[in-house]
């Protein structure tokens, strides 16, 4: 992890406010506002090249978050409600 500040996006997903933080490495961390530790990650790493699959920029992070949010094979609302119930949110 770098000493510089991460690229950060705040976005509502299925009625939950989330924070997406990326330091430019393997994973985008997903957390609830105020939480220091994320509960989920988005893998943006290309193991073959040893570099991220996305450009190190805020706009690329936004695009990766949109892909994650809109993944047709995942029910983000269900997953977030389950997590919220399990953690008392």
PDB file of N, CA and C in Angstrom:
ATOM      1  N   UNK A   1       0.832  -1.170   0.000  1.00  0.00           N
ATOM      2  CA  UNK A   1       0.000   0.000   0.000  1.00  0.00           C
ATOM      3  C   UNK A   1       0.881   1.240   0.000  1.00  0.00           C
ATOM      4  N   UNK A   2       0.451   2.245  -0.680  1.00  0.00           N
ATOM      5  CA  UNK A   2       1.220   3.463  -0.840  1.00  0.00           C
ATOM      6  C   UNK A   2       0.938   4.443   0.298  1.00  0.00           C
ATOM      7  N   UNK A   3       1.844   5.387   0.500  1.00  0.00           N
ATOM      8  CA  UNK A   3       1.641   6.436   1.486  1.00  0.00           C
ATOM      9  C   UNK A   3       0.731   7.547   0.961  1.00  0.00           C
ATOM     10  N   UNK A   4       0.505   7.591  -0.333  1.00  0.00           N
ATOM     11  CA  UNK A   4      -0.364   8.628  -0.892  1.00  0.00           C
ATOM     12  C   UNK A   4      -1.827   8.271  -0.653  1.00  0.00           C
ATOM     13  N   UNK A   5      -2.675   9.277  -0.774  1.00  0.00           N
ATOM     14  CA  UNK A   5      -4.111   9.060  -0.580  1.00  0.00           C
ATOM     15  C   UNK A   5      -4.666   8.223  -1.726  1.00  0.00           C
ATOM     16  N   UNK A   6      -5.644   7.389  -1.423  1.00  0.00           N
ATOM     17  CA  UNK A   6      -6.230   6.567  -2.482  1.00  0.00           C
ATOM     18  C   UNK A   6      -7.187   7.369  -3.353  1.00  0.00           C
ATOM     19  N   UNK A   7      -7.438   6.857  -4.551  1.00  0.00           N
ATOM     20  CA  UNK A   7      -8.558   7.353  -5.338  1.00  0.00           C
ATOM     21  C   UNK A   7      -9.798   6.903  -4.578  1.00  0.00           C
ATOM     22  N   UNK A   8     -10.768   7.782  -4.406  1.00  0.00           N
ATOM     23  CA  UNK A   8     -11.935   7.456  -3.598  1.00  0.00           C
ATOM     24  C   UNK A   8     -13.211   7.915  -4.289  1.00  0.00           C
ATOM     25  N   UNK A   9     -14.202   7.028  -4.268  1.00  0.00           N
ATOM     26  CA  UNK A   9     -15.525   7.330  -4.811  1.00  0.00           C
ATOM     27  C   UNK A   9     -16.558   6.960  -3.759  1.00  0.00           C
ATOM     28  N   UNK A  10     -17.544   7.824  -3.583  1.00  0.00           N
ATOM     29  CA  UNK A  10     -18.699   7.522  -2.740  1.00  0.00           C
ATOM     30  C   UNK A  10     -19.857   7.268  -3.691  1.00  0.00           C
ATOM     31  N   UNK A  11     -20.565   6.154  -3.475  1.00  0.00           N
ATOM     32  CA  UNK A  11     -21.662   5.809  -4.382  1.00  0.00           C
ATOM     33  C   UNK A  11     -22.721   5.046  -3.634  1.00  0.00           C
ATOM     34  N   UNK A  12     -23.970   5.325  -3.976  1.00  0.00           N
ATOM     35  CA  UNK A  12     -25.071   4.553  -3.421  1.00  0.00           C
ATOM     36  C   UNK A  12     -25.269   3.309  -4.275  1.00  0.00           C
ATOM     37  N   UNK A  13     -25.404   2.184  -3.598  1.00  0.00           N
ATOM     38  CA  UNK A  13     -25.647   0.910  -4.287  1.00  0.00           C
ATOM     39  C   UNK A  13     -26.788   0.218  -3.552  1.00  0.00           C
ATOM     40  N   UNK A  14     -27.894   0.009  -4.227  1.00  0.00           N
ATOM     41  CA  UNK A  14     -29.046  -0.698  -3.661  1.00  0.00           C
ATOM     42  C   UNK A  14     -29.486  -0.092  -2.324  1.00  0.00           C
ATOM     43  N   UNK A  15     -29.436   1.238  -2.243  1.00  0.00           N
ATOM     44  CA  UNK A  15     -29.876   1.915  -1.032  1.00  0.00           C
ATOM     45  C   UNK A  15     -28.822   2.040   0.061  1.00  0.00           C
ATOM     46  N   UNK A  16     -27.623   1.554  -0.181  1.00  0.00           N
ATOM     47  CA  UNK A  16     -26.532   1.634   0.791  1.00  0.00           C
ATOM     48  C   UNK A  16     -25.467   2.600   0.287  1.00  0.00           C
ATOM     49  N   UNK A  17     -25.027   3.503   1.169  1.00  0.00           N
ATOM     50  CA  UNK A  17     -23.905   4.373   0.830  1.00  0.00           C
ATOM     51  C   UNK A  17     -22.626   3.574   0.997  1.00  0.00           C
ATOM     52  N   UNK A  18     -21.806   3.555  -0.039  1.00  0.00           N
ATOM     53  CA  UNK A  18     -20.546   2.814  -0.014  1.00  0.00           C
ATOM     54  C   UNK A  18     -19.388   3.723  -0.404  1.00  0.00           C
ATOM     55  N   UNK A  19     -18.202   3.347   0.045  1.00  0.00           N
ATOM     56  CA  UNK A  19     -16.971   4.034  -0.315  1.00  0.00           C
ATOM     57  C   UNK A  19     -16.080   3.031  -1.047  1.00  0.00           C
ATOM     58  N   UNK A  20     -15.584   3.426  -2.202  1.00  0.00           N
ATOM     59  CA  UNK A  20     -14.678   2.604  -3.000  1.00  0.00           C
ATOM     60  C   UNK A  20     -13.323   3.293  -2.962  1.00  0.00           C
ATOM     61  N   UNK A  21     -12.289   2.599  -2.438  1.00  0.00           N
ATOM     62  CA  UNK A  21     -10.943   3.177  -2.312  1.00  0.00           C
ATOM     63  C   UNK A  21      -9.950   2.314  -3.088  1.00  0.00           C
ATOM     64  N   UNK A  22      -9.088   2.998  -3.836  1.00  0.00           N
ATOM     65  CA  UNK A  22      -8.077   2.271  -4.611  1.00  0.00           C
ATOM     66  C   UNK A  22      -6.756   3.005  -4.544  1.00  0.00           C
ATOM     67  N   UNK A  23      -5.742   2.293  -4.120  1.00  0.00           N
ATOM     68  CA  UNK A  23      -4.394   2.850  -4.007  1.00  0.00           C
ATOM     69  C   UNK A  23      -3.575   2.594  -5.267  1.00  0.00           C
ATOM     70  N   UNK A  24      -4.179   2.004  -6.294  1.00  0.00           N
ATOM     71  CA  UNK A  24      -3.473   1.760  -7.547  1.00  0.00           C
ATOM     72  C   UNK A  24      -2.899   0.359  -7.666  1.00  0.00           C
ATOM     73  N   UNK A  25      -3.228  -0.507  -6.731  1.00  0.00           N
ATOM     74  CA  UNK A  25      -2.697  -1.870  -6.735  1.00  0.00           C
ATOM     75  C   UNK A  25      -3.707  -2.903  -7.196  1.00  0.00           C
ATOM     76  N   UNK A  26      -3.666  -4.054  -6.533  1.00  0.00           N
ATOM     77  CA  UNK A  26      -4.458  -5.210  -6.963  1.00  0.00           C
ATOM     78  C   UNK A  26      -5.962  -5.058  -6.782  1.00  0.00           C
ATOM     79  N   UNK A  27      -6.360  -4.395  -5.698  1.00  0.00           N
ATOM     80  CA  UNK A  27      -7.775  -4.413  -5.331  1.00  0.00           C
ATOM     81  C   UNK A  27      -8.338  -3.028  -5.049  1.00  0.00           C
ATOM     82  N   UNK A  28      -9.607  -2.861  -5.414  1.00  0.00           N
ATOM     83  CA  UNK A  28     -10.399  -1.716  -4.983  1.00  0.00           C
ATOM     84  C   UNK A  28     -11.131  -2.182  -3.731  1.00  0.00           C
ATOM     85  N   UNK A  29     -10.964  -1.449  -2.660  1.00  0.00           N
ATOM     86  CA  UNK A  29     -11.602  -1.803  -1.392  1.00  0.00           C
ATOM     87  C   UNK A  29     -12.987  -1.163  -1.332  1.00  0.00           C
ATOM     88  N   UNK A  30     -13.972  -1.930  -0.853  1.00  0.00           N
ATOM     89  CA  UNK A  30     -15.339  -1.439  -0.707  1.00  0.00           C
ATOM     90  C   UNK A  30     -15.666  -1.427   0.776  1.00  0.00           C
ATOM     91  N   UNK A  31     -16.120  -0.273   1.260  1.00  0.00           N
ATOM     92  CA  UNK A  31     -16.409  -0.129   2.689  1.00  0.00           C
ATOM     93  C   UNK A  31     -17.656   0.717   2.888  1.00  0.00           C
ATOM     94  N   UNK A  32     -18.200   0.645   4.089  1.00  0.00           N
ATOM     95  CA  UNK A  32     -19.249   1.572   4.479  1.00  0.00           C
ATOM     96  C   UNK A  32     -18.566   2.850   4.964  1.00  0.00           C
ATOM     97  N   UNK A  33     -19.202   4.014   4.767  1.00  0.00           N
ATOM     98  CA  UNK A  33     -18.593   5.265   5.223  1.00  0.00           C
ATOM     99  C   UNK A  33     -18.219   5.181   6.705  1.00  0.00           C
ATOM    100  N   UNK A  34     -17.034   5.660   7.014  1.00  0.00           N
ATOM    101  CA  UNK A  34     -16.556   5.646   8.392  1.00  0.00           C
ATOM    102  C   UNK A  34     -15.799   4.398   8.781  1.00  0.00           C
ATOM    103  N   UNK A  35     -15.932   3.327   7.999  1.00  0.00           N
ATOM    104  CA  UNK A  35     -15.200   2.093   8.292  1.00  0.00           C
ATOM    105  C   UNK A  35     -13.787   2.194   7.733  1.00  0.00           C
ATOM    106  N   UNK A  36     -12.817   1.822   8.546  1.00  0.00           N
ATOM    107  CA  UNK A  36     -11.427   1.846   8.093  1.00  0.00           C
ATOM    108  C   UNK A  36     -11.084   0.635   7.245  1.00  0.00           C
ATOM    109  N   UNK A  37     -11.810  -0.445   7.446  1.00  0.00           N
ATOM    110  CA  UNK A  37     -11.543  -1.697   6.733  1.00  0.00           C
ATOM    111  C   UNK A  37     -12.740  -2.028   5.854  1.00  0.00           C
ATOM    112  N   UNK A  38     -12.458  -2.433   4.638  1.00  0.00           N
ATOM    113  CA  UNK A  38     -13.520  -2.798   3.713  1.00  0.00           C
ATOM    114  C   UNK A  38     -14.090  -4.171   4.002  1.00  0.00           C
ATOM    115  N   UNK A  39     -15.248  -4.431   3.436  1.00  0.00           N
ATOM    116  CA  UNK A  39     -15.899  -5.733   3.585  1.00  0.00           C
ATOM    117  C   UNK A  39     -15.830  -6.554   2.307  1.00  0.00           C
ATOM    118  N   UNK A  40     -15.371  -5.941   1.230  1.00  0.00           N
ATOM    119  CA  UNK A  40     -15.325  -6.608  -0.078  1.00  0.00           C
ATOM    120  C   UNK A  40     -14.265  -5.906  -0.913  1.00  0.00           C
ATOM    121  N   UNK A  41     -13.797  -6.575  -1.958  1.00  0.00           N
ATOM    122  CA  UNK A  41     -12.849  -5.958  -2.888  1.00  0.00           C
ATOM    123  C   UNK A  41     -13.251  -6.249  -4.323  1.00  0.00           C
ATOM    124  N   UNK A  42     -12.775  -5.409  -5.210  1.00  0.00           N
ATOM    125  CA  UNK A  42     -12.874  -5.640  -6.652  1.00  0.00           C
ATOM    126  C   UNK A  42     -11.452  -5.890  -7.129  1.00  0.00           C
ATOM    127  N   UNK A  43     -11.226  -7.019  -7.746  1.00  0.00           N
ATOM    128  CA  UNK A  43      -9.895  -7.352  -8.262  1.00  0.00           C
ATOM    129  C   UNK A  43      -9.701  -6.652  -9.606  1.00  0.00           C
ATOM    130  N   UNK A  44      -8.709  -5.772  -9.673  1.00  0.00           N
ATOM    131  CA  UNK A  44      -8.412  -5.064 -10.915  1.00  0.00           C
ATOM    132  C   UNK A  44      -7.012  -5.395 -11.437  1.00  0.00           C
ATOM    133  N   UNK A  45      -6.423  -6.470 -10.932  1.00  0.00           N
ATOM    134  CA  UNK A  45      -5.039  -6.809 -11.237  1.00  0.00           C
ATOM    135  C   UNK A  45      -4.941  -7.787 -12.395  1.00  0.00           C
ATOM    136  N   UNK A  46      -3.970  -7.564 -13.259  1.00  0.00           N
ATOM    137  CA  UNK A  46      -3.638  -8.496 -14.327  1.00  0.00           C
ATOM    138  C   UNK A  46      -2.354  -9.212 -13.908  1.00  0.00           C
ATOM    139  N   UNK A  47      -2.484 -10.444 -13.456  1.00  0.00           N
ATOM    140  CA  UNK A  47      -1.330 -11.199 -12.967  1.00  0.00           C
ATOM    141  C   UNK A  47      -0.296 -11.436 -14.074  1.00  0.00           C
ATOM    142  N   UNK A  48      -0.744 -11.497 -15.296  1.00  0.00           N
ATOM    143  CA  UNK A  48       0.165 -11.730 -16.412  1.00  0.00           C
ATOM    144  C   UNK A  48       1.116 -10.577 -16.665  1.00  0.00           C
ATOM    145  N   UNK A  49       0.626  -9.366 -16.470  1.00  0.00           N
ATOM    146  CA  UNK A  49       1.465  -8.182 -16.713  1.00  0.00           C
ATOM    147  C   UNK A  49       2.036  -7.598 -15.428  1.00  0.00           C
ATOM    148  N   UNK A  50       1.472  -8.008 -14.288  1.00  0.00           N
ATOM    149  CA  UNK A  50       1.918  -7.431 -13.024  1.00  0.00           C
ATOM    150  C   UNK A  50       1.488  -5.985 -12.856  1.00  0.00           C
ATOM    151  N   UNK A  51       0.416  -5.606 -13.535  1.00  0.00           N
ATOM    152  CA  UNK A  51      -0.111  -4.239 -13.510  1.00  0.00           C
ATOM    153  C   UNK A  51      -1.635  -4.291 -13.400  1.00  0.00           C
ATOM    154  N   UNK A  52      -2.249  -3.188 -12.979  1.00  0.00           N
ATOM    155  CA  UNK A  52      -3.714  -3.149 -12.969  1.00  0.00           C
ATOM    156  C   UNK A  52      -4.266  -3.255 -14.395  1.00  0.00           C
ATOM    157  N   UNK A  53      -5.462  -3.819 -14.498  1.00  0.00           N
ATOM    158  CA  UNK A  53      -6.148  -3.895 -15.793  1.00  0.00           C
ATOM    159  C   UNK A  53      -6.752  -2.551 -16.175  1.00  0.00           C
ATOM    160  N   UNK A  54      -6.776  -1.626 -15.207  1.00  0.00           N
ATOM    161  CA  UNK A  54      -7.336  -0.307 -15.469  1.00  0.00           C
ATOM    162  C   UNK A  54      -6.254   0.749 -15.271  1.00  0.00           C
ATOM    163  N   UNK A  55      -6.448   1.879 -15.922  1.00  0.00           N
ATOM    164  CA  UNK A  55      -5.531   3.013 -15.774  1.00  0.00           C
ATOM    165  C   UNK A  55      -5.586   3.516 -14.336  1.00  0.00           C
ATOM    166  N   UNK A  56      -4.487   4.011 -13.842  1.00  0.00           N
ATOM    167  CA  UNK A  56      -4.460   4.573 -12.482  1.00  0.00           C
ATOM    168  C   UNK A  56      -5.027   5.994 -12.510  1.00  0.00           C
ATOM    169  N   UNK A  57      -6.369   6.061 -12.499  1.00  0.00           N
ATOM    170  CA  UNK A  57      -7.055   7.352 -12.543  1.00  0.00           C
ATOM    171  C   UNK A  57      -8.421   7.218 -11.885  1.00  0.00           C
ATOM    172  N   UNK A  58      -8.967   8.356 -11.500  1.00  0.00           N
ATOM    173  CA  UNK A  58     -10.292   8.372 -10.889  1.00  0.00           C
ATOM    174  C   UNK A  58     -11.365   7.927 -11.880  1.00  0.00           C
ATOM    175  N   UNK A  59     -11.229   8.320 -13.128  1.00  0.00           N
ATOM    176  CA  UNK A  59     -12.229   7.925 -14.131  1.00  0.00           C
ATOM    177  C   UNK A  59     -12.198   6.420 -14.373  1.00  0.00           C
ATOM    178  N   UNK A  60     -11.026   5.817 -14.358  1.00  0.00           N
ATOM    179  CA  UNK A  60     -10.942   4.362 -14.522  1.00  0.00           C
ATOM    180  C   UNK A  60     -11.547   3.651 -13.313  1.00  0.00           C
ATOM    181  N   UNK A  61     -11.330   4.199 -12.122  1.00  0.00           N
ATOM    182  CA  UNK A  61     -11.959   3.634 -10.930  1.00  0.00           C
ATOM    183  C   UNK A  61     -13.475   3.716 -11.053  1.00  0.00           C
ATOM    184  N   UNK A  62     -13.991   4.867 -11.480  1.00  0.00           N
ATOM    185  CA  UNK A  62     -15.447   4.999 -11.666  1.00  0.00           C
ATOM    186  C   UNK A  62     -15.978   3.921 -12.608  1.00  0.00           C
ATOM    187  N   UNK A  63     -15.281   3.695 -13.693  1.00  0.00           N
ATOM    188  CA  UNK A  63     -15.708   2.669 -14.658  1.00  0.00           C
ATOM    189  C   UNK A  63     -15.691   1.283 -14.039  1.00  0.00           C
ATOM    190  N   UNK A  64     -14.649   0.959 -13.286  1.00  0.00           N
ATOM    191  CA  UNK A  64     -14.559  -0.358 -12.634  1.00  0.00           C
ATOM    192  C   UNK A  64     -15.679  -0.532 -11.615  1.00  0.00           C
ATOM    193  N   UNK A  65     -15.999   0.523 -10.887  1.00  0.00           N
ATOM    194  CA  UNK A  65     -17.094   0.451  -9.920  1.00  0.00           C
ATOM    195  C   UNK A  65     -18.414   0.218 -10.646  1.00  0.00           C
ATOM    196  N   UNK A  66     -18.638   0.905 -11.750  1.00  0.00           N
ATOM    197  CA  UNK A  66     -19.889   0.717 -12.501  1.00  0.00           C
ATOM    198  C   UNK A  66     -20.012  -0.706 -13.028  1.00  0.00           C
ATOM    199  N   UNK A  67     -18.922  -1.269 -13.495  1.00  0.00           N
ATOM    200  CA  UNK A  67     -18.941  -2.664 -13.954  1.00  0.00           C
ATOM    201  C   UNK A  67     -19.312  -3.581 -12.792  1.00  0.00           C
ATOM    202  N   UNK A  68     -18.713  -3.356 -11.619  1.00  0.00           N
ATOM    203  CA  UNK A  68     -19.005  -4.174 -10.435  1.00  0.00           C
ATOM    204  C   UNK A  68     -20.475  -4.035 -10.035  1.00  0.00           C
ATOM    205  N   UNK A  69     -20.962  -2.799  -9.968  1.00  0.00           N
ATOM    206  CA  UNK A  69     -22.346  -2.542  -9.545  1.00  0.00           C
ATOM    207  C   UNK A  69     -23.333  -3.204 -10.496  1.00  0.00           C
ATOM    208  N   UNK A  70     -23.062  -3.134 -11.777  1.00  0.00           N
ATOM    209  CA  UNK A  70     -24.015  -3.593 -12.792  1.00  0.00           C
ATOM    210  C   UNK A  70     -23.752  -5.004 -13.309  1.00  0.00           C
ATOM    211  N   UNK A  71     -22.924  -5.773 -12.624  1.00  0.00           N
ATOM    212  CA  UNK A  71     -22.643  -7.152 -13.036  1.00  0.00           C
ATOM    213  C   UNK A  71     -23.959  -7.936 -13.044  1.00  0.00           C
ATOM    214  N   UNK A  72     -24.408  -8.401 -14.223  1.00  0.00           N
ATOM    215  CA  UNK A  72     -25.706  -9.067 -14.312  1.00  0.00           C
ATOM    216  C   UNK A  72     -25.757 -10.418 -13.592  1.00  0.00           C
ATOM    217  N   UNK A  73     -24.621 -10.981 -13.266  1.00  0.00           N
ATOM    218  CA  UNK A  73     -24.607 -12.271 -12.583  1.00  0.00           C
ATOM    219  C   UNK A  73     -24.636 -12.133 -11.067  1.00  0.00           C
ATOM    220  N   UNK A  74     -24.622 -10.890 -10.569  1.00  0.00           N
ATOM    221  CA  UNK A  74     -24.607 -10.666  -9.128  1.00  0.00           C
ATOM    222  C   UNK A  74     -25.830  -9.856  -8.717  1.00  0.00           C
ATOM    223  N   UNK A  75     -26.351 -10.151  -7.539  1.00  0.00           N
ATOM    224  CA  UNK A  75     -27.452  -9.376  -6.965  1.00  0.00           C
ATOM    225  C   UNK A  75     -26.869  -8.548  -5.829  1.00  0.00           C
ATOM    226  N   UNK A  76     -26.342  -7.377  -6.153  1.00  0.00           N
ATOM    227  CA  UNK A  76     -25.665  -6.551  -5.154  1.00  0.00           C
ATOM    228  C   UNK A  76     -26.603  -6.147  -4.026  1.00  0.00           C
ATOM    229  N   UNK A  77     -27.868  -5.862  -4.345  1.00  0.00           N
ATOM    230  CA  UNK A  77     -28.819  -5.501  -3.300  1.00  0.00           C
ATOM    231  C   UNK A  77     -28.982  -6.608  -2.284  1.00  0.00           C
ATOM    232  N   UNK A  78     -29.159  -7.815  -2.749  1.00  0.00           N
ATOM    233  CA  UNK A  78     -29.302  -8.971  -1.847  1.00  0.00           C
ATOM    234  C   UNK A  78     -28.049  -9.139  -1.004  1.00  0.00           C
ATOM    235  N   UNK A  79     -26.892  -9.104  -1.647  1.00  0.00           N
ATOM    236  CA  UNK A  79     -25.628  -9.291  -0.932  1.00  0.00           C
ATOM    237  C   UNK A  79     -25.427  -8.221   0.135  1.00  0.00           C
ATOM    238  N   UNK A  80     -25.733  -6.973  -0.206  1.00  0.00           N
ATOM    239  CA  UNK A  80     -25.552  -5.885   0.760  1.00  0.00           C
ATOM    240  C   UNK A  80     -26.549  -5.985   1.912  1.00  0.00           C
ATOM    241  N   UNK A  81     -27.788  -6.362   1.627  1.00  0.00           N
ATOM    242  CA  UNK A  81     -28.764  -6.547   2.706  1.00  0.00           C
ATOM    243  C   UNK A  81     -28.348  -7.668   3.639  1.00  0.00           C
ATOM    244  N   UNK A  82     -27.851  -8.767   3.084  1.00  0.00           N
ATOM    245  CA  UNK A  82     -27.379  -9.882   3.906  1.00  0.00           C
ATOM    246  C   UNK A  82     -26.220  -9.451   4.804  1.00  0.00           C
ATOM    247  N   UNK A  83     -25.269  -8.721   4.227  1.00  0.00           N
ATOM    248  CA  UNK A  83     -24.123  -8.258   4.999  1.00  0.00           C
ATOM    249  C   UNK A  83     -24.576  -7.290   6.092  1.00  0.00           C
ATOM    250  N   UNK A  84     -25.470  -6.373   5.732  1.00  0.00           N
ATOM    251  CA  UNK A  84     -25.959  -5.385   6.693  1.00  0.00           C
ATOM    252  C   UNK A  84     -26.671  -6.071   7.856  1.00  0.00           C
ATOM    253  N   UNK A  85     -27.478  -7.065   7.565  1.00  0.00           N
ATOM    254  CA  UNK A  85     -28.177  -7.786   8.625  1.00  0.00           C
ATOM    255  C   UNK A  85     -27.178  -8.539   9.513  1.00  0.00           C
ATOM    256  N   UNK A  86     -26.187  -9.152   8.910  1.00  0.00           N
ATOM    257  CA  UNK A  86     -25.210  -9.945   9.662  1.00  0.00           C
ATOM    258  C   UNK A  86     -24.330  -9.078  10.556  1.00  0.00           C
ATOM    259  N   UNK A  87     -24.152  -7.808  10.181  1.00  0.00           N
ATOM    260  CA  UNK A  87     -23.269  -6.925  10.945  1.00  0.00           C
ATOM    261  C   UNK A  87     -24.049  -5.879  11.750  1.00  0.00           C
ATOM    262  N   UNK A  88     -25.358  -5.978  11.744  1.00  0.00           N
ATOM    263  CA  UNK A  88     -26.173  -5.053  12.529  1.00  0.00           C
ATOM    264  C   UNK A  88     -26.223  -3.650  11.989  1.00  0.00           C
ATOM    265  N   UNK A  89     -26.108  -3.504  10.704  1.00  0.00           N
ATOM    266  CA  UNK A  89     -26.188  -2.161  10.092  1.00  0.00           C
ATOM    267  C   UNK A  89     -27.611  -1.785   9.829  1.00  0.00           C
TER     268      UNK A  89
END
